[in-house]
Amino acid sequence: QLQLVESGGGLVQPGGSLRLSCTTSGFSLHYYAMAW
């Protein structure tokens, strides 16, 4: 089953940083472009 699961969001102050992740399963990621 094709799944995309985002994580890494949260509360941050202006000027701060975050790294979001998108973990995929159920398909061959290397064949496809991806977007946010």
Full PDB file with SEQRES, HELIX, SHEET, SSBOND, CRYST1, ORIGX, SCALE, CONECT and MASTER records, all heavy atoms in Angstrom:
SEQRES   1 A   36  GLN LEU GLN LEU VAL GLU SER GLY GLY GLY LEU VAL GLN          
SEQRES   2 A   36  PRO GLY GLY SER LEU ARG LEU SER CYS THR THR SER GLY          
SEQRES   3 A   36  PHE SER LEU HIS TYR TYR ALA MET ALA TRP                      
HELIX    1 AA1 LEU A   29  TYR A   31  5                                   3    
SHEET    1 AA1 2 GLN A   3  SER A   7  0                                        
SHEET    2 AA1 2 SER A  21  SER A  25 -1                                        
CRYST1    1.000    1.000    1.000  90.00  90.00  90.00 P 1           1          
ORIGX1      1.000000  0.000000  0.000000        0.00000                         
ORIGX2      0.000000  1.000000  0.000000        0.00000                         
ORIGX3      0.000000  0.000000  1.000000        0.00000                         
SCALE1      1.000000  0.000000  0.000000        0.00000                         
SCALE2      0.000000  1.000000  0.000000        0.00000                         
SCALE3      0.000000  0.000000  1.000000        0.00000                         
ATOM      1  N   GLN A   1       0.840  -1.187   0.000  1.00  0.00           N  
ATOM      2  CA  GLN A   1       0.000   0.000   0.000  1.00  0.00           C  
ATOM      3  C   GLN A   1       0.886   1.250   0.000  1.00  0.00           C  
ATOM      4  O   GLN A   1       1.773   1.390   0.827  1.00  0.00           O  
ATOM      5  CB  GLN A   1      -0.897   0.009   1.240  1.00  0.00           C  
ATOM      6  CG  GLN A   1      -1.840   1.186   1.300  1.00  0.00           C  
ATOM      7  CD  GLN A   1      -2.737   1.143   2.516  1.00  0.00           C  
ATOM      8  OE1 GLN A   1      -2.689   0.192   3.285  1.00  0.00           O  
ATOM      9  NE2 GLN A   1      -3.543   2.160   2.701  1.00  0.00           N  
ATOM     10  N   LEU A   2       0.610   2.141  -0.940  1.00  0.00           N  
ATOM     11  CA  LEU A   2       1.398   3.364  -1.060  1.00  0.00           C  
ATOM     12  C   LEU A   2       1.121   4.284   0.115  1.00  0.00           C  
ATOM     13  O   LEU A   2      -0.028   4.545   0.446  1.00  0.00           O  
ATOM     14  CB  LEU A   2       1.017   4.057  -2.362  1.00  0.00           C  
ATOM     15  CG  LEU A   2       1.874   5.223  -2.858  1.00  0.00           C  
ATOM     16  CD1 LEU A   2       1.730   5.361  -4.353  1.00  0.00           C  
ATOM     17  CD2 LEU A   2       1.484   6.518  -2.172  1.00  0.00           C  
ATOM     18  N   GLN A   3       2.193   4.740   0.784  1.00  0.00           N  
ATOM     19  CA  GLN A   3       2.034   5.642   1.920  1.00  0.00           C  
ATOM     20  C   GLN A   3       3.105   6.719   1.906  1.00  0.00           C  
ATOM     21  O   GLN A   3       4.258   6.456   1.554  1.00  0.00           O  
ATOM     22  CB  GLN A   3       2.133   4.882   3.249  1.00  0.00           C  
ATOM     23  CG  GLN A   3       0.872   4.149   3.650  1.00  0.00           C  
ATOM     24  CD  GLN A   3       0.900   3.696   5.096  1.00  0.00           C  
ATOM     25  OE1 GLN A   3       1.889   3.158   5.557  1.00  0.00           O  
ATOM     26  NE2 GLN A   3      -0.200   3.920   5.814  1.00  0.00           N  
ATOM     27  N   LEU A   4       2.707   7.927   2.291  1.00  0.00           N  
ATOM     28  CA  LEU A   4       3.626   9.028   2.517  1.00  0.00           C  
ATOM     29  C   LEU A   4       3.307   9.576   3.898  1.00  0.00           C  
ATOM     30  O   LEU A   4       2.150   9.935   4.165  1.00  0.00           O  
ATOM     31  CB  LEU A   4       3.446  10.142   1.482  1.00  0.00           C  
ATOM     32  CG  LEU A   4       3.871   9.886   0.027  1.00  0.00           C  
ATOM     33  CD1 LEU A   4       2.847   9.017  -0.704  1.00  0.00           C  
ATOM     34  CD2 LEU A   4       4.047  11.191  -0.716  1.00  0.00           C  
ATOM     35  N   VAL A   5       4.301   9.642   4.759  1.00  0.00           N  
ATOM     36  CA  VAL A   5       4.085  10.077   6.127  1.00  0.00           C  
ATOM     37  C   VAL A   5       5.052  11.210   6.445  1.00  0.00           C  
ATOM     38  O   VAL A   5       6.275  11.010   6.483  1.00  0.00           O  
ATOM     39  CB  VAL A   5       4.265   8.923   7.120  1.00  0.00           C  
ATOM     40  CG1 VAL A   5       4.037   9.432   8.534  1.00  0.00           C  
ATOM     41  CG2 VAL A   5       3.307   7.778   6.794  1.00  0.00           C  
ATOM     42  N   GLU A   6       4.496  12.391   6.704  1.00  0.00           N  
ATOM     43  CA  GLU A   6       5.311  13.543   7.057  1.00  0.00           C  
ATOM     44  C   GLU A   6       5.550  13.591   8.568  1.00  0.00           C  
ATOM     45  O   GLU A   6       4.705  13.156   9.354  1.00  0.00           O  
ATOM     46  CB  GLU A   6       4.634  14.855   6.623  1.00  0.00           C  
ATOM     47  CG  GLU A   6       4.352  14.987   5.144  1.00  0.00           C  
ATOM     48  CD  GLU A   6       2.955  14.529   4.768  1.00  0.00           C  
ATOM     49  OE1 GLU A   6       2.374  13.725   5.513  1.00  0.00           O  
ATOM     50  OE2 GLU A   6       2.430  14.981   3.739  1.00  0.00           O  
ATOM     51  N   SER A   7       6.665  14.167   8.931  1.00  0.00           N  
ATOM     52  CA  SER A   7       6.978  14.381  10.338  1.00  0.00           C  
ATOM     53  C   SER A   7       7.952  15.561  10.445  1.00  0.00           C  
ATOM     54  O   SER A   7       8.480  16.029   9.438  1.00  0.00           O  
ATOM     55  CB  SER A   7       7.604  13.135  10.961  1.00  0.00           C  
ATOM     56  OG  SER A   7       8.816  12.800  10.298  1.00  0.00           O  
ATOM     57  N   GLY A   8       8.156  16.029  11.671  1.00  0.00           N  
ATOM     58  CA  GLY A   8       9.118  17.083  11.913  1.00  0.00           C  
ATOM     59  C   GLY A   8       8.549  18.460  12.134  1.00  0.00           C  
ATOM     60  O   GLY A   8       9.277  19.397  12.445  1.00  0.00           O  
ATOM     61  N   GLY A   9       7.232  18.599  11.976  1.00  0.00           N  
ATOM     62  CA  GLY A   9       6.622  19.893  12.219  1.00  0.00           C  
ATOM     63  C   GLY A   9       6.610  20.230  13.701  1.00  0.00           C  
ATOM     64  O   GLY A   9       6.942  19.409  14.553  1.00  0.00           O  
ATOM     65  N   GLY A  10       6.239  21.464  13.993  1.00  0.00           N  
ATOM     66  CA  GLY A  10       6.157  21.889  15.381  1.00  0.00           C  
ATOM     67  C   GLY A  10       6.098  23.391  15.498  1.00  0.00           C  
ATOM     68  O   GLY A  10       5.880  24.098  14.511  1.00  0.00           O  
ATOM     69  N   LEU A  11       6.310  23.860  16.714  1.00  0.00           N  
ATOM     70  CA  LEU A  11       6.291  25.293  17.009  1.00  0.00           C  
ATOM     71  C   LEU A  11       7.728  25.816  16.999  1.00  0.00           C  
ATOM     72  O   LEU A  11       8.600  25.256  17.671  1.00  0.00           O  
ATOM     73  CB  LEU A  11       5.650  25.535  18.372  1.00  0.00           C  
ATOM     74  CG  LEU A  11       5.716  26.969  18.929  1.00  0.00           C  
ATOM     75  CD1 LEU A  11       4.939  27.920  18.028  1.00  0.00           C  
ATOM     76  CD2 LEU A  11       5.171  26.997  20.348  1.00  0.00           C  
ATOM     77  N   VAL A  12       7.938  26.896  16.272  1.00  0.00           N  
ATOM     78  CA  VAL A  12       9.278  27.487  16.189  1.00  0.00           C  
ATOM     79  C   VAL A  12       9.140  29.001  16.212  1.00  0.00           C  
ATOM     80  O   VAL A  12       8.137  29.546  15.751  1.00  0.00           O  
ATOM     81  CB  VAL A  12      10.008  27.004  14.918  1.00  0.00           C  
ATOM     82  CG1 VAL A  12       9.273  27.429  13.661  1.00  0.00           C  
ATOM     83  CG2 VAL A  12      11.451  27.449  14.894  1.00  0.00           C  
ATOM     84  N   GLN A  13      10.124  29.669  16.756  1.00  0.00           N  
ATOM     85  CA  GLN A  13      10.108  31.124  16.808  1.00  0.00           C  
ATOM     86  C   GLN A  13      10.489  31.701  15.436  1.00  0.00           C  
ATOM     87  O   GLN A  13      11.204  31.048  14.662  1.00  0.00           O  
ATOM     88  CB  GLN A  13      11.079  31.628  17.865  1.00  0.00           C  
ATOM     89  CG  GLN A  13      10.666  31.302  19.282  1.00  0.00           C  
ATOM     90  CD  GLN A  13      11.586  31.932  20.320  1.00  0.00           C  
ATOM     91  OE1 GLN A  13      12.711  32.334  20.003  1.00  0.00           O  
ATOM     92  NE2 GLN A  13      11.108  32.024  21.547  1.00  0.00           N  
ATOM     93  N   PRO A  14      10.045  32.914  15.153  1.00  0.00           N  
ATOM     94  CA  PRO A  14      10.495  33.560  13.905  1.00  0.00           C  
ATOM     95  C   PRO A  14      12.009  33.574  13.809  1.00  0.00           C  
ATOM     96  O   PRO A  14      12.701  33.832  14.801  1.00  0.00           O  
ATOM     97  CB  PRO A  14       9.918  34.968  14.024  1.00  0.00           C  
ATOM     98  CG  PRO A  14       8.707  34.797  14.887  1.00  0.00           C  
ATOM     99  CD  PRO A  14       9.079  33.725  15.891  1.00  0.00           C  
ATOM    100  N   GLY A  15      12.509  33.262  12.628  1.00  0.00           N  
ATOM    101  CA  GLY A  15      13.941  33.162  12.429  1.00  0.00           C  
ATOM    102  C   GLY A  15      14.506  31.774  12.674  1.00  0.00           C  
ATOM    103  O   GLY A  15      15.674  31.511  12.361  1.00  0.00           O  
ATOM    104  N   GLY A  16      13.682  30.894  13.217  1.00  0.00           N  
ATOM    105  CA  GLY A  16      14.130  29.550  13.537  1.00  0.00           C  
ATOM    106  C   GLY A  16      14.119  28.608  12.351  1.00  0.00           C  
ATOM    107  O   GLY A  16      13.786  29.000  11.220  1.00  0.00           O  
ATOM    108  N   SER A  17      14.456  27.351  12.635  1.00  0.00           N  
ATOM    109  CA  SER A  17      14.568  26.332  11.589  1.00  0.00           C  
ATOM    110  C   SER A  17      13.862  25.045  12.007  1.00  0.00           C  
ATOM    111  O   SER A  17      13.713  24.770  13.203  1.00  0.00           O  
ATOM    112  CB  SER A  17      16.043  26.019  11.320  1.00  0.00           C  
ATOM    113  OG  SER A  17      16.747  27.164  10.884  1.00  0.00           O  
ATOM    114  N   LEU A  18      13.458  24.291  11.005  1.00  0.00           N  
ATOM    115  CA  LEU A  18      12.891  22.960  11.188  1.00  0.00           C  
ATOM    116  C   LEU A  18      13.303  22.106  10.008  1.00  0.00           C  
ATOM    117  O   LEU A  18      13.521  22.634   8.902  1.00  0.00           O  
ATOM    118  CB  LEU A  18      11.361  23.002  11.239  1.00  0.00           C  
ATOM    119  CG  LEU A  18      10.654  23.469  12.494  1.00  0.00           C  
ATOM    120  CD1 LEU A  18       9.152  23.550  12.222  1.00  0.00           C  
ATOM    121  CD2 LEU A  18      10.927  22.551  13.668  1.00  0.00           C  
ATOM    122  N   ARG A  19      13.391  20.808  10.213  1.00  0.00           N  
ATOM    123  CA  ARG A  19      13.569  19.891   9.090  1.00  0.00           C  
ATOM    124  C   ARG A  19      12.382  18.930   9.055  1.00  0.00           C  
ATOM    125  O   ARG A  19      12.166  18.184  10.013  1.00  0.00           O  
ATOM    126  CB  ARG A  19      14.869  19.101   9.162  1.00  0.00           C  
ATOM    127  CG  ARG A  19      15.120  18.317   7.862  1.00  0.00           C  
ATOM    128  CD  ARG A  19      16.439  17.600   7.837  1.00  0.00           C  
ATOM    129  NE  ARG A  19      16.425  16.349   8.569  1.00  0.00           N  
ATOM    130  CZ  ARG A  19      17.241  15.332   8.325  1.00  0.00           C  
ATOM    131  NH1 ARG A  19      18.162  15.434   7.362  1.00  0.00           N  
ATOM    132  NH2 ARG A  19      17.174  14.230   9.030  1.00  0.00           N  
ATOM    133  N   LEU A  20      11.665  18.981   7.955  1.00  0.00           N  
ATOM    134  CA  LEU A  20      10.549  18.079   7.745  1.00  0.00           C  
ATOM    135  C   LEU A  20      11.024  16.839   6.994  1.00  0.00           C  
ATOM    136  O   LEU A  20      11.912  16.922   6.143  1.00  0.00           O  
ATOM    137  CB  LEU A  20       9.449  18.772   6.943  1.00  0.00           C  
ATOM    138  CG  LEU A  20       8.967  20.116   7.465  1.00  0.00           C  
ATOM    139  CD1 LEU A  20       7.813  20.634   6.605  1.00  0.00           C  
ATOM    140  CD2 LEU A  20       8.567  20.050   8.920  1.00  0.00           C  
ATOM    141  N   SER A  21      10.417  15.719   7.324  1.00  0.00           N  
ATOM    142  CA  SER A  21      10.723  14.463   6.638  1.00  0.00           C  
ATOM    143  C   SER A  21       9.452  13.880   6.050  1.00  0.00           C  
ATOM    144  O   SER A  21       8.369  14.037   6.622  1.00  0.00           O  
ATOM    145  CB  SER A  21      11.345  13.456   7.606  1.00  0.00           C  
ATOM    146  OG  SER A  21      12.556  13.926   8.144  1.00  0.00           O  
ATOM    147  N   CYS A  22       9.587  13.206   4.932  1.00  0.00           N  
ATOM    148  CA  CYS A  22       8.488  12.483   4.292  1.00  0.00           C  
ATOM    149  C   CYS A  22       8.989  11.071   4.036  1.00  0.00           C  
ATOM    150  O   CYS A  22       9.814  10.856   3.142  1.00  0.00           O  
ATOM    151  CB  CYS A  22       8.066  13.166   3.011  1.00  0.00           C  
ATOM    152  SG  CYS A  22       6.860  12.242   2.022  1.00  0.00           S  
ATOM    153  N   THR A  23       8.502  10.138   4.818  1.00  0.00           N  
ATOM    154  CA  THR A  23       8.911   8.744   4.667  1.00  0.00           C  
ATOM    155  C   THR A  23       7.884   8.031   3.809  1.00  0.00           C  
ATOM    156  O   THR A  23       6.683   8.124   4.059  1.00  0.00           O  
ATOM    157  CB  THR A  23       9.020   8.070   6.033  1.00  0.00           C  
ATOM    158  OG1 THR A  23       9.946   8.805   6.837  1.00  0.00           O  
ATOM    159  CG2 THR A  23       9.498   6.637   5.892  1.00  0.00           C  
ATOM    160  N   THR A  24       8.384   7.334   2.801  1.00  0.00           N  
ATOM    161  CA  THR A  24       7.481   6.702   1.838  1.00  0.00           C  
ATOM    162  C   THR A  24       7.579   5.187   1.902  1.00  0.00           C  
ATOM    163  O   THR A  24       8.598   4.628   2.326  1.00  0.00           O  
ATOM    164  CB  THR A  24       7.802   7.169   0.416  1.00  0.00           C  
ATOM    165  OG1 THR A  24       9.065   6.632   0.003  1.00  0.00           O  
ATOM    166  CG2 THR A  24       7.856   8.699   0.337  1.00  0.00           C  
ATOM    167  N   SER A  25       6.526   4.528   1.464  1.00  0.00           N  
ATOM    168  CA  SER A  25       6.510   3.075   1.366  1.00  0.00           C  
ATOM    169  C   SER A  25       5.477   2.666   0.331  1.00  0.00           C  
ATOM    170  O   SER A  25       4.592   3.444  -0.026  1.00  0.00           O  
ATOM    171  CB  SER A  25       6.196   2.445   2.726  1.00  0.00           C  
ATOM    172  OG  SER A  25       4.929   2.862   3.189  1.00  0.00           O  
ATOM    173  N   GLY A  26       5.622   1.437  -0.162  1.00  0.00           N  
ATOM    174  CA  GLY A  26       4.649   0.903  -1.102  1.00  0.00           C  
ATOM    175  C   GLY A  26       4.914   1.237  -2.560  1.00  0.00           C  
ATOM    176  O   GLY A  26       4.122   0.851  -3.421  1.00  0.00           O  
ATOM    177  N   PHE A  27       5.978   1.972  -2.845  1.00  0.00           N  
ATOM    178  CA  PHE A  27       6.346   2.243  -4.226  1.00  0.00           C  
ATOM    179  C   PHE A  27       7.843   2.527  -4.292  1.00  0.00           C  
ATOM    180  O   PHE A  27       8.499   2.753  -3.283  1.00  0.00           O  
ATOM    181  CB  PHE A  27       5.540   3.409  -4.818  1.00  0.00           C  
ATOM    182  CG  PHE A  27       5.868   4.761  -4.229  1.00  0.00           C  
ATOM    183  CD1 PHE A  27       6.590   5.695  -4.948  1.00  0.00           C  
ATOM    184  CD2 PHE A  27       5.415   5.119  -2.958  1.00  0.00           C  
ATOM    185  CE1 PHE A  27       6.876   6.947  -4.425  1.00  0.00           C  
ATOM    186  CE2 PHE A  27       5.691   6.361  -2.422  1.00  0.00           C  
ATOM    187  CZ  PHE A  27       6.426   7.277  -3.157  1.00  0.00           C  
ATOM    188  N   SER A  28       8.367   2.520  -5.493  1.00  0.00           N  
ATOM    189  CA  SER A  28       9.795   2.726  -5.690  1.00  0.00           C  
ATOM    190  C   SER A  28      10.085   4.214  -5.814  1.00  0.00           C  
ATOM    191  O   SER A  28       9.933   4.811  -6.880  1.00  0.00           O  
ATOM    192  CB  SER A  28      10.254   1.994  -6.949  1.00  0.00           C  
ATOM    193  OG  SER A  28      10.061   0.598  -6.825  1.00  0.00           O  
ATOM    194  N   LEU A  29      10.502   4.802  -4.697  1.00  0.00           N  
ATOM    195  CA  LEU A  29      10.689   6.243  -4.630  1.00  0.00           C  
ATOM    196  C   LEU A  29      11.630   6.763  -5.716  1.00  0.00           C  
ATOM    197  O   LEU A  29      11.423   7.843  -6.266  1.00  0.00           O  
ATOM    198  CB  LEU A  29      11.218   6.636  -3.249  1.00  0.00           C  
ATOM    199  CG  LEU A  29      11.503   8.119  -3.036  1.00  0.00           C  
ATOM    200  CD1 LEU A  29      10.218   8.933  -3.127  1.00  0.00           C  
ATOM    201  CD2 LEU A  29      12.178   8.333  -1.683  1.00  0.00           C  
ATOM    202  N   HIS A  30      12.665   5.995  -6.056  1.00  0.00           N  
ATOM    203  CA  HIS A  30      13.704   6.496  -6.939  1.00  0.00           C  
ATOM    204  C   HIS A  30      13.210   6.716  -8.366  1.00  0.00           C  
ATOM    205  O   HIS A  30      13.934   7.288  -9.187  1.00  0.00           O  
ATOM    206  CB  HIS A  30      14.907   5.552  -6.945  1.00  0.00           C  
ATOM    207  CG  HIS A  30      14.625   4.176  -7.462  1.00  0.00           C  
ATOM    208  ND1 HIS A  30      14.082   3.179  -6.690  1.00  0.00           N  
ATOM    209  CD2 HIS A  30      14.792   3.645  -8.702  1.00  0.00           C  
ATOM    210  CE1 HIS A  30      13.949   2.084  -7.418  1.00  0.00           C  
ATOM    211  NE2 HIS A  30      14.364   2.339  -8.636  1.00  0.00           N  
ATOM    212  N   TYR A  31      12.001   6.273  -8.689  1.00  0.00           N  
ATOM    213  CA  TYR A  31      11.462   6.507 -10.026  1.00  0.00           C  
ATOM    214  C   TYR A  31      10.767   7.861 -10.164  1.00  0.00           C  
ATOM    215  O   TYR A  31      10.520   8.318 -11.281  1.00  0.00           O  
ATOM    216  CB  TYR A  31      10.450   5.433 -10.393  1.00  0.00           C  
ATOM    217  CG  TYR A  31      11.043   4.096 -10.755  1.00  0.00           C  
ATOM    218  CD1 TYR A  31      10.584   2.924 -10.145  1.00  0.00           C  
ATOM    219  CD2 TYR A  31      12.040   3.984 -11.717  1.00  0.00           C  
ATOM    220  CE1 TYR A  31      11.123   1.690 -10.472  1.00  0.00           C  
ATOM    221  CE2 TYR A  31      12.586   2.759 -12.044  1.00  0.00           C  
ATOM    222  CZ  TYR A  31      12.121   1.615 -11.418  1.00  0.00           C  
ATOM    223  OH  TYR A  31      12.660   0.392 -11.752  1.00  0.00           O  
ATOM    224  N   TYR A  32      10.439   8.507  -9.057  1.00  0.00           N  
ATOM    225  CA  TYR A  32       9.517   9.623  -9.108  1.00  0.00           C  
ATOM    226  C   TYR A  32      10.061  10.912  -8.521  1.00  0.00           C  
ATOM    227  O   TYR A  32      10.762  10.906  -7.493  1.00  0.00           O  
ATOM    228  CB  TYR A  32       8.233   9.261  -8.384  1.00  0.00           C  
ATOM    229  CG  TYR A  32       7.553   8.059  -8.975  1.00  0.00           C  
ATOM    230  CD1 TYR A  32       7.638   6.812  -8.366  1.00  0.00           C  
ATOM    231  CD2 TYR A  32       6.848   8.157 -10.176  1.00  0.00           C  
ATOM    232  CE1 TYR A  32       7.040   5.697  -8.933  1.00  0.00           C  
ATOM    233  CE2 TYR A  32       6.248   7.050 -10.742  1.00  0.00           C  
ATOM    234  CZ  TYR A  32       6.350   5.829 -10.120  1.00  0.00           C  
ATOM    235  OH  TYR A  32       5.766   4.732 -10.676  1.00  0.00           O  
ATOM    236  N   ALA A  33       9.710  12.022  -9.172  1.00  0.00           N  
ATOM    237  CA  ALA A  33       9.926  13.317  -8.551  1.00  0.00           C  
ATOM    238  C   ALA A  33       8.992  13.439  -7.348  1.00  0.00           C  
ATOM    239  O   ALA A  33       7.947  12.791  -7.280  1.00  0.00           O  
ATOM    240  CB  ALA A  33       9.637  14.425  -9.555  1.00  0.00           C  
ATOM    241  N   MET A  34       9.405  14.283  -6.405  1.00  0.00           N  
ATOM    242  CA  MET A  34       8.628  14.498  -5.196  1.00  0.00           C  
ATOM    243  C   MET A  34       8.530  15.997  -4.929  1.00  0.00           C  
ATOM    244  O   MET A  34       9.410  16.772  -5.326  1.00  0.00           O  
ATOM    245  CB  MET A  34       9.283  13.814  -3.998  1.00  0.00           C  
ATOM    246  CG  MET A  34       9.349  12.298  -4.088  1.00  0.00           C  
ATOM    247  SD  MET A  34       7.718  11.524  -3.917  1.00  0.00           S  
ATOM    248  CE  MET A  34       7.358  11.892  -2.192  1.00  0.00           C  
ATOM    249  N   ALA A  35       7.489  16.373  -4.222  1.00  0.00           N  
ATOM    250  CA  ALA A  35       7.291  17.793  -3.950  1.00  0.00           C  
ATOM    251  C   ALA A  35       6.764  18.011  -2.543  1.00  0.00           C  
ATOM    252  O   ALA A  35       6.244  17.095  -1.903  1.00  0.00           O  
ATOM    253  CB  ALA A  35       6.319  18.395  -4.958  1.00  0.00           C  
ATOM    254  N   TRP A  36       6.939  19.239  -2.100  1.00  0.00           N  
ATOM    255  CA  TRP A  36       6.325  19.705  -0.863  1.00  0.00           C  
ATOM    256  C   TRP A  36       5.354  20.833  -1.212  1.00  0.00           C  
ATOM    257  O   TRP A  36       5.664  21.709  -2.018  1.00  0.00           O  
ATOM    258  CB  TRP A  36       7.375  20.217   0.108  1.00  0.00           C  
ATOM    259  CG  TRP A  36       8.181  19.155   0.772  1.00  0.00           C  
ATOM    260  CD1 TRP A  36       9.371  18.646   0.352  1.00  0.00           C  
ATOM    261  CD2 TRP A  36       7.857  18.477   1.993  1.00  0.00           C  
ATOM    262  NE1 TRP A  36       9.811  17.676   1.224  1.00  0.00           N  
ATOM    263  CE2 TRP A  36       8.905  17.561   2.260  1.00  0.00           C  
ATOM    264  CE3 TRP A  36       6.800  18.548   2.905  1.00  0.00           C  
ATOM    265  CZ2 TRP A  36       8.921  16.727   3.367  1.00  0.00           C  
ATOM    266  CZ3 TRP A  36       6.817  17.724   4.013  1.00  0.00           C  
ATOM    267  CH2 TRP A  36       7.869  16.826   4.238  1.00  0.00           C  
TER     268      TRP A  36                                                      
MASTER        0    0    0    1    2    0    0    6  267    1    0    3          
END                                                                             
